[in-house]
């Protein structure tokens, strides 16, 4: 039986800055970083074995309740951004993701961020994460 490679604790997503993402000063508009966090988080979940779409089909919604971003340097049109994403903490109803955004070319830090998401059911009531999702994100059943 072939061995299955381990799932990485940190995933990396890259994005090339589009002209439409820059402001009049020629740097990436601050709100675009939040979109990139969402892209990185979605890919992180996919690498760990499930997608947002699959969660929604199972009646689970992951909703952002907290967002913190510390902007460190500007990014410009055509820069390639590397977004590192990992689960900082996970409980039965909550997941905290940490991100590091940097220029892919030389590692210059662009921003550090954190999002907290809670698990809701299809009627928007707080609910537990399914056991397999909790385990894939590094949590323990009954936590």
N, C-alpha and C. Protein backbone atom coordinates (compact mmCIF):
# COMPACT_ATOMS: atom_id res chain seq x y z
N UNK A 1 0.85 -1.18 0.00
CA UNK A 1 0.00 0.00 0.00
C UNK A 1 0.89 1.24 0.00
N UNK A 2 0.68 2.18 -0.95
CA UNK A 2 1.52 3.37 -1.01
C UNK A 2 1.28 4.27 0.21
N UNK A 3 2.35 4.92 0.65
CA UNK A 3 2.21 5.82 1.80
C UNK A 3 1.58 7.13 1.35
N UNK A 4 0.79 7.71 2.23
CA UNK A 4 0.14 8.99 1.96
C UNK A 4 0.99 10.07 2.59
N UNK A 5 1.37 11.11 1.81
CA UNK A 5 2.18 12.16 2.40
C UNK A 5 1.42 12.89 3.50
N UNK A 6 2.12 13.34 4.54
CA UNK A 6 1.43 14.04 5.62
C UNK A 6 0.85 15.37 5.14
N UNK A 7 -0.23 15.79 5.76
CA UNK A 7 -0.84 17.07 5.45
C UNK A 7 -0.01 18.16 6.13
N UNK A 8 0.37 19.20 5.40
CA UNK A 8 1.22 20.23 6.00
C UNK A 8 0.46 21.06 7.03
N UNK A 9 1.17 21.44 8.09
CA UNK A 9 0.57 22.30 9.10
C UNK A 9 0.34 23.69 8.52
N UNK A 10 1.23 24.09 7.61
CA UNK A 10 1.11 25.40 6.97
C UNK A 10 0.97 25.20 5.48
N UNK A 11 0.04 25.91 4.89
CA UNK A 11 -0.11 25.87 3.44
C UNK A 11 0.31 27.23 2.88
N UNK A 12 0.69 27.21 1.62
CA UNK A 12 1.15 28.44 0.96
C UNK A 12 0.36 28.62 -0.33
N UNK A 13 -0.19 29.80 -0.48
CA UNK A 13 -0.93 30.18 -1.68
C UNK A 13 -0.24 31.40 -2.26
N UNK A 14 -0.16 31.49 -3.57
CA UNK A 14 0.43 32.68 -4.19
C UNK A 14 -0.62 33.42 -5.01
N UNK A 15 -0.38 34.72 -5.16
CA UNK A 15 -1.30 35.56 -5.92
C UNK A 15 -0.49 36.69 -6.56
N UNK A 16 -0.71 36.91 -7.85
CA UNK A 16 -0.08 38.05 -8.53
C UNK A 16 -1.03 39.24 -8.44
N UNK A 17 -0.51 40.36 -7.96
CA UNK A 17 -1.33 41.56 -7.77
C UNK A 17 -1.82 42.07 -9.12
N UNK A 18 -3.12 42.26 -9.23
CA UNK A 18 -3.76 42.83 -10.41
C UNK A 18 -3.75 44.35 -10.31
N UNK A 19 -3.75 45.01 -11.46
CA UNK A 19 -3.79 46.47 -11.48
C UNK A 19 -5.02 46.99 -10.73
N UNK A 20 -6.16 46.29 -10.88
CA UNK A 20 -7.40 46.74 -10.25
C UNK A 20 -7.34 46.68 -8.72
N UNK A 21 -6.34 46.01 -8.16
CA UNK A 21 -6.22 45.90 -6.71
C UNK A 21 -5.42 47.04 -6.09
N UNK A 22 -4.89 47.92 -6.93
CA UNK A 22 -4.07 49.02 -6.42
C UNK A 22 -4.89 50.30 -6.32
N UNK A 23 -4.41 51.20 -5.47
CA UNK A 23 -5.10 52.47 -5.28
C UNK A 23 -4.35 53.59 -6.00
N UNK A 24 -4.76 54.82 -5.78
CA UNK A 24 -4.18 55.97 -6.45
C UNK A 24 -2.70 56.15 -6.12
N UNK A 25 -2.26 55.61 -4.99
CA UNK A 25 -0.86 55.72 -4.60
C UNK A 25 -0.01 54.61 -5.23
N UNK A 26 -0.66 53.68 -5.94
CA UNK A 26 0.07 52.62 -6.62
C UNK A 26 0.33 51.40 -5.77
N UNK A 27 -0.25 51.34 -4.58
CA UNK A 27 -0.09 50.18 -3.71
C UNK A 27 -1.42 49.45 -3.59
N UNK A 28 -1.36 48.21 -3.13
CA UNK A 28 -2.57 47.42 -2.96
C UNK A 28 -3.48 48.08 -1.92
N UNK A 29 -4.73 48.24 -2.31
CA UNK A 29 -5.74 48.79 -1.40
C UNK A 29 -5.92 47.83 -0.23
N UNK A 30 -6.00 48.37 0.98
CA UNK A 30 -5.96 47.55 2.20
C UNK A 30 -7.02 46.45 2.28
N UNK A 31 -8.18 46.67 1.74
CA UNK A 31 -9.26 45.67 1.83
C UNK A 31 -8.98 44.43 0.99
N UNK A 32 -8.12 44.54 -0.02
CA UNK A 32 -7.80 43.38 -0.85
C UNK A 32 -7.11 42.29 -0.05
N UNK A 33 -6.36 42.68 0.98
CA UNK A 33 -5.68 41.69 1.80
C UNK A 33 -6.68 40.70 2.41
N UNK A 34 -7.84 41.20 2.78
CA UNK A 34 -8.87 40.34 3.40
C UNK A 34 -9.36 39.29 2.39
N UNK A 35 -9.49 39.68 1.14
CA UNK A 35 -9.88 38.73 0.10
C UNK A 35 -8.80 37.64 -0.03
N UNK A 36 -7.55 38.05 0.01
CA UNK A 36 -6.46 37.07 -0.10
C UNK A 36 -6.46 36.11 1.08
N UNK A 37 -6.81 36.60 2.27
CA UNK A 37 -6.91 35.70 3.44
C UNK A 37 -7.96 34.64 3.19
N UNK A 38 -9.09 35.06 2.63
CA UNK A 38 -10.16 34.11 2.34
C UNK A 38 -9.71 33.06 1.34
N UNK A 39 -9.00 33.48 0.32
CA UNK A 39 -8.49 32.54 -0.69
C UNK A 39 -7.53 31.54 -0.03
N UNK A 40 -6.61 32.04 0.79
CA UNK A 40 -5.63 31.17 1.45
C UNK A 40 -6.31 30.20 2.41
N UNK A 41 -7.28 30.69 3.15
CA UNK A 41 -8.01 29.83 4.11
C UNK A 41 -8.78 28.74 3.38
N UNK A 42 -9.43 29.10 2.29
CA UNK A 42 -10.18 28.13 1.49
C UNK A 42 -9.25 27.04 0.96
N UNK A 43 -8.09 27.43 0.47
CA UNK A 43 -7.13 26.45 -0.03
C UNK A 43 -6.56 25.60 1.10
N UNK A 44 -6.36 26.20 2.27
CA UNK A 44 -5.87 25.45 3.42
C UNK A 44 -6.87 24.34 3.78
N UNK A 45 -8.14 24.68 3.81
CA UNK A 45 -9.17 23.68 4.11
C UNK A 45 -9.18 22.58 3.05
N UNK A 46 -9.04 22.98 1.79
CA UNK A 46 -9.05 22.00 0.70
C UNK A 46 -7.89 21.01 0.84
N UNK A 47 -6.69 21.51 1.16
CA UNK A 47 -5.53 20.65 1.36
C UNK A 47 -5.77 19.68 2.51
N UNK A 48 -6.56 20.11 3.48
CA UNK A 48 -6.85 19.27 4.65
C UNK A 48 -8.06 18.37 4.45
N UNK A 49 -8.57 18.31 3.22
CA UNK A 49 -9.53 17.28 2.88
C UNK A 49 -10.97 17.69 2.69
N UNK A 50 -11.28 18.98 2.73
CA UNK A 50 -12.67 19.38 2.51
C UNK A 50 -12.71 20.82 2.01
N UNK A 51 -13.80 21.15 1.35
CA UNK A 51 -13.98 22.51 0.83
C UNK A 51 -15.14 23.18 1.54
N UNK A 52 -15.21 24.50 1.40
CA UNK A 52 -16.37 25.22 1.95
C UNK A 52 -17.66 24.68 1.36
N UNK A 53 -17.64 24.39 0.07
CA UNK A 53 -18.83 23.86 -0.59
C UNK A 53 -19.29 22.56 0.06
N UNK A 54 -18.34 21.66 0.32
CA UNK A 54 -18.69 20.39 0.97
C UNK A 54 -19.23 20.63 2.38
N UNK A 55 -18.64 21.57 3.10
CA UNK A 55 -19.15 21.88 4.44
C UNK A 55 -20.59 22.39 4.36
N UNK A 56 -20.84 23.30 3.41
CA UNK A 56 -22.19 23.83 3.25
C UNK A 56 -23.19 22.73 2.90
N UNK A 57 -22.76 21.79 2.05
CA UNK A 57 -23.63 20.67 1.72
C UNK A 57 -23.94 19.82 2.94
N UNK A 58 -23.06 19.83 3.92
CA UNK A 58 -23.26 19.10 5.18
C UNK A 58 -23.99 19.96 6.22
N UNK A 59 -24.37 21.17 5.83
CA UNK A 59 -25.12 22.05 6.74
C UNK A 59 -24.25 22.89 7.66
N UNK A 60 -22.96 22.99 7.39
CA UNK A 60 -22.04 23.74 8.24
C UNK A 60 -21.63 25.02 7.52
N UNK A 61 -21.64 26.13 8.24
CA UNK A 61 -21.16 27.42 7.74
C UNK A 61 -20.05 27.89 8.66
N UNK A 62 -18.92 28.24 8.11
CA UNK A 62 -17.85 28.84 8.90
C UNK A 62 -17.91 30.35 8.68
N UNK A 63 -18.14 31.08 9.74
CA UNK A 63 -18.40 32.51 9.67
C UNK A 63 -17.31 33.28 10.41
N UNK A 64 -16.74 34.27 9.74
CA UNK A 64 -15.71 35.09 10.36
C UNK A 64 -16.35 35.99 11.43
N UNK A 65 -15.82 35.90 12.64
CA UNK A 65 -16.31 36.76 13.73
C UNK A 65 -15.28 37.81 14.14
N UNK A 66 -14.01 37.53 13.89
CA UNK A 66 -12.95 38.46 14.24
C UNK A 66 -11.90 38.47 13.14
N UNK A 67 -11.34 39.66 12.90
CA UNK A 67 -10.31 39.84 11.90
C UNK A 67 -9.31 40.86 12.44
N UNK A 68 -8.05 40.50 12.39
CA UNK A 68 -6.98 41.43 12.77
C UNK A 68 -5.94 41.40 11.65
N UNK A 69 -5.55 42.58 11.20
CA UNK A 69 -4.51 42.69 10.18
C UNK A 69 -3.51 43.74 10.62
N UNK A 70 -2.24 43.40 10.54
CA UNK A 70 -1.17 44.37 10.78
C UNK A 70 -0.44 44.53 9.45
N UNK A 71 -0.61 45.71 8.86
CA UNK A 71 0.03 46.01 7.58
C UNK A 71 1.47 46.42 7.84
N UNK A 72 2.39 45.82 7.08
CA UNK A 72 3.81 46.07 7.32
C UNK A 72 4.50 46.77 6.16
N UNK A 73 4.19 46.40 4.93
CA UNK A 73 4.77 47.01 3.74
C UNK A 73 3.75 46.96 2.62
N UNK A 74 3.88 47.87 1.68
CA UNK A 74 2.97 47.89 0.56
C UNK A 74 3.37 46.89 -0.52
N UNK A 75 2.38 46.39 -1.21
CA UNK A 75 2.61 45.57 -2.40
C UNK A 75 2.11 46.38 -3.59
N UNK A 76 2.68 46.12 -4.75
CA UNK A 76 2.36 46.88 -5.94
C UNK A 76 1.93 45.97 -7.09
N UNK A 77 1.39 46.61 -8.11
CA UNK A 77 0.96 45.89 -9.30
C UNK A 77 2.05 44.94 -9.80
N UNK A 78 1.65 43.72 -10.10
CA UNK A 78 2.46 42.65 -10.67
C UNK A 78 3.37 41.96 -9.65
N UNK A 79 3.39 42.41 -8.39
CA UNK A 79 4.11 41.67 -7.36
C UNK A 79 3.44 40.31 -7.17
N UNK A 80 4.23 39.30 -6.88
CA UNK A 80 3.67 38.00 -6.51
C UNK A 80 3.71 37.92 -4.99
N UNK A 81 2.54 37.70 -4.42
CA UNK A 81 2.38 37.64 -2.96
C UNK A 81 2.28 36.17 -2.55
N UNK A 82 2.98 35.83 -1.50
CA UNK A 82 2.89 34.49 -0.90
C UNK A 82 2.11 34.64 0.39
N UNK A 83 1.05 33.83 0.54
CA UNK A 83 0.22 33.87 1.74
C UNK A 83 0.38 32.54 2.47
N UNK A 84 0.99 32.59 3.64
CA UNK A 84 1.16 31.40 4.47
C UNK A 84 -0.03 31.34 5.42
N UNK A 85 -0.64 30.17 5.54
CA UNK A 85 -1.84 30.00 6.36
C UNK A 85 -1.68 28.76 7.24
N UNK A 86 -2.09 28.88 8.49
CA UNK A 86 -2.09 27.73 9.40
C UNK A 86 -3.19 27.92 10.44
N UNK A 87 -3.58 26.81 11.03
CA UNK A 87 -4.56 26.87 12.12
C UNK A 87 -3.79 27.17 13.40
N UNK A 88 -4.15 28.26 14.04
CA UNK A 88 -3.53 28.66 15.30
C UNK A 88 -4.17 27.91 16.48
N UNK A 89 -5.50 27.78 16.42
CA UNK A 89 -6.24 27.15 17.50
C UNK A 89 -7.55 26.62 16.93
N UNK A 90 -8.02 25.52 17.49
CA UNK A 90 -9.29 24.97 17.05
C UNK A 90 -10.00 24.36 18.26
N UNK A 91 -11.28 24.63 18.34
CA UNK A 91 -12.13 24.07 19.38
C UNK A 91 -13.34 23.43 18.72
N UNK A 92 -14.26 23.01 19.51
CA UNK A 92 -15.42 22.29 18.96
C UNK A 92 -16.30 23.17 18.08
N UNK A 93 -16.27 24.49 18.28
CA UNK A 93 -17.14 25.39 17.53
C UNK A 93 -16.40 26.56 16.89
N UNK A 94 -15.07 26.60 17.01
CA UNK A 94 -14.32 27.77 16.59
C UNK A 94 -12.96 27.36 16.02
N UNK A 95 -12.53 28.12 15.00
CA UNK A 95 -11.21 27.91 14.40
C UNK A 95 -10.53 29.27 14.27
N UNK A 96 -9.26 29.33 14.68
CA UNK A 96 -8.47 30.55 14.53
C UNK A 96 -7.36 30.26 13.52
N UNK A 97 -7.32 31.07 12.47
CA UNK A 97 -6.29 30.95 11.43
C UNK A 97 -5.31 32.10 11.55
N UNK A 98 -4.02 31.81 11.31
CA UNK A 98 -2.97 32.83 11.27
C UNK A 98 -2.40 32.88 9.86
N UNK A 99 -2.02 34.07 9.44
CA UNK A 99 -1.52 34.28 8.09
C UNK A 99 -0.27 35.16 8.12
N UNK A 100 0.62 34.90 7.19
CA UNK A 100 1.75 35.78 6.93
C UNK A 100 1.75 36.05 5.43
N UNK A 101 1.65 37.31 5.06
CA UNK A 101 1.68 37.70 3.65
C UNK A 101 3.04 38.32 3.39
N UNK A 102 3.68 37.89 2.29
CA UNK A 102 5.02 38.38 1.99
C UNK A 102 5.24 38.41 0.48
N UNK A 103 6.21 39.21 0.06
CA UNK A 103 6.59 39.20 -1.34
C UNK A 103 7.27 37.87 -1.64
N UNK A 104 6.83 37.18 -2.67
CA UNK A 104 7.41 35.88 -3.00
C UNK A 104 8.87 36.03 -3.44
N UNK A 105 9.17 37.14 -4.06
CA UNK A 105 10.51 37.36 -4.60
C UNK A 105 11.61 37.35 -3.54
N UNK A 106 11.35 38.03 -2.41
CA UNK A 106 12.42 38.16 -1.41
C UNK A 106 11.96 37.97 0.03
N UNK A 107 10.68 37.64 0.24
CA UNK A 107 10.19 37.40 1.59
C UNK A 107 9.87 38.65 2.39
N UNK A 108 9.90 39.82 1.76
CA UNK A 108 9.55 41.05 2.46
C UNK A 108 8.14 40.92 3.04
N UNK A 109 7.98 41.15 4.35
CA UNK A 109 6.65 41.02 4.95
C UNK A 109 5.69 42.11 4.46
N UNK A 110 4.50 41.70 4.08
CA UNK A 110 3.45 42.62 3.63
C UNK A 110 2.44 42.84 4.76
N UNK A 111 2.01 41.75 5.41
CA UNK A 111 1.04 41.86 6.50
C UNK A 111 1.02 40.55 7.29
N UNK A 112 0.61 40.68 8.54
CA UNK A 112 0.32 39.53 9.40
C UNK A 112 -1.15 39.64 9.75
N UNK A 113 -1.83 38.50 9.82
CA UNK A 113 -3.27 38.56 10.07
C UNK A 113 -3.74 37.35 10.86
N UNK A 114 -4.94 37.49 11.41
CA UNK A 114 -5.59 36.40 12.12
C UNK A 114 -7.09 36.53 11.92
N UNK A 115 -7.75 35.41 11.67
CA UNK A 115 -9.21 35.39 11.60
C UNK A 115 -9.72 34.32 12.55
N UNK A 116 -10.84 34.62 13.18
CA UNK A 116 -11.54 33.64 14.01
C UNK A 116 -12.86 33.36 13.32
N UNK A 117 -13.16 32.06 13.16
CA UNK A 117 -14.41 31.65 12.54
C UNK A 117 -15.17 30.76 13.51
N UNK A 118 -16.49 30.87 13.49
CA UNK A 118 -17.33 29.98 14.28
C UNK A 118 -18.14 29.11 13.34
N UNK A 119 -18.58 27.99 13.87
CA UNK A 119 -19.35 27.02 13.12
C UNK A 119 -20.84 27.23 13.38
N UNK A 120 -21.59 27.46 12.31
CA UNK A 120 -23.04 27.61 12.39
C UNK A 120 -23.70 26.54 11.56
N UNK A 121 -24.93 26.17 11.95
CA UNK A 121 -25.69 25.23 11.13
C UNK A 121 -26.42 26.01 10.04
N UNK A 122 -27.21 25.32 9.24
CA UNK A 122 -27.91 25.94 8.12
C UNK A 122 -28.93 26.98 8.55
N UNK A 123 -29.35 26.94 9.83
CA UNK A 123 -30.30 27.95 10.34
C UNK A 123 -29.57 29.06 11.10
N UNK A 124 -28.25 29.08 11.00
CA UNK A 124 -27.39 30.10 11.61
C UNK A 124 -27.32 30.01 13.12
N UNK A 125 -27.45 28.80 13.63
CA UNK A 125 -27.27 28.56 15.07
C UNK A 125 -25.89 27.95 15.29
N UNK A 126 -25.27 28.34 16.40
CA UNK A 126 -23.97 27.80 16.76
C UNK A 126 -24.04 26.28 16.83
N UNK A 127 -23.06 25.60 16.24
CA UNK A 127 -23.04 24.15 16.23
C UNK A 127 -21.60 23.65 16.30
N UNK A 128 -21.45 22.40 16.66
CA UNK A 128 -20.11 21.81 16.72
C UNK A 128 -19.60 21.50 15.32
N UNK A 129 -18.29 21.58 15.16
CA UNK A 129 -17.68 21.12 13.93
C UNK A 129 -17.80 19.61 13.86
N UNK A 130 -18.04 19.05 12.69
CA UNK A 130 -18.07 17.59 12.57
C UNK A 130 -16.72 17.01 13.02
N UNK A 131 -16.75 15.83 13.59
CA UNK A 131 -15.55 15.20 14.15
C UNK A 131 -14.42 15.08 13.13
N UNK A 132 -14.74 14.74 11.88
CA UNK A 132 -13.69 14.59 10.88
C UNK A 132 -13.06 15.93 10.50
N UNK A 133 -13.84 16.98 10.50
CA UNK A 133 -13.32 18.32 10.22
C UNK A 133 -12.44 18.79 11.38
N UNK A 134 -12.94 18.58 12.58
CA UNK A 134 -12.18 18.94 13.78
C UNK A 134 -10.83 18.23 13.79
N UNK A 135 -10.83 16.95 13.49
CA UNK A 135 -9.59 16.17 13.47
C UNK A 135 -8.66 16.66 12.35
N UNK A 136 -9.20 16.97 11.18
CA UNK A 136 -8.37 17.43 10.06
C UNK A 136 -7.69 18.76 10.36
N UNK A 137 -8.33 19.56 11.20
CA UNK A 137 -7.77 20.87 11.56
C UNK A 137 -6.88 20.80 12.81
N UNK A 138 -6.74 19.60 13.35
CA UNK A 138 -5.84 19.44 14.50
C UNK A 138 -6.50 19.48 15.84
N UNK A 139 -7.82 19.49 15.88
CA UNK A 139 -8.54 19.50 17.16
C UNK A 139 -8.80 18.11 17.68
N UNK A 140 -9.34 18.07 18.87
CA UNK A 140 -9.64 16.79 19.50
C UNK A 140 -11.15 16.71 19.75
N UNK A 141 -11.71 15.53 19.54
CA UNK A 141 -13.14 15.33 19.79
C UNK A 141 -13.44 15.61 21.25
N UNK A 142 -14.58 16.25 21.48
CA UNK A 142 -14.99 16.56 22.85
C UNK A 142 -14.33 17.82 23.39
N UNK A 143 -13.54 18.50 22.54
CA UNK A 143 -12.84 19.72 22.99
C UNK A 143 -13.80 20.86 23.16
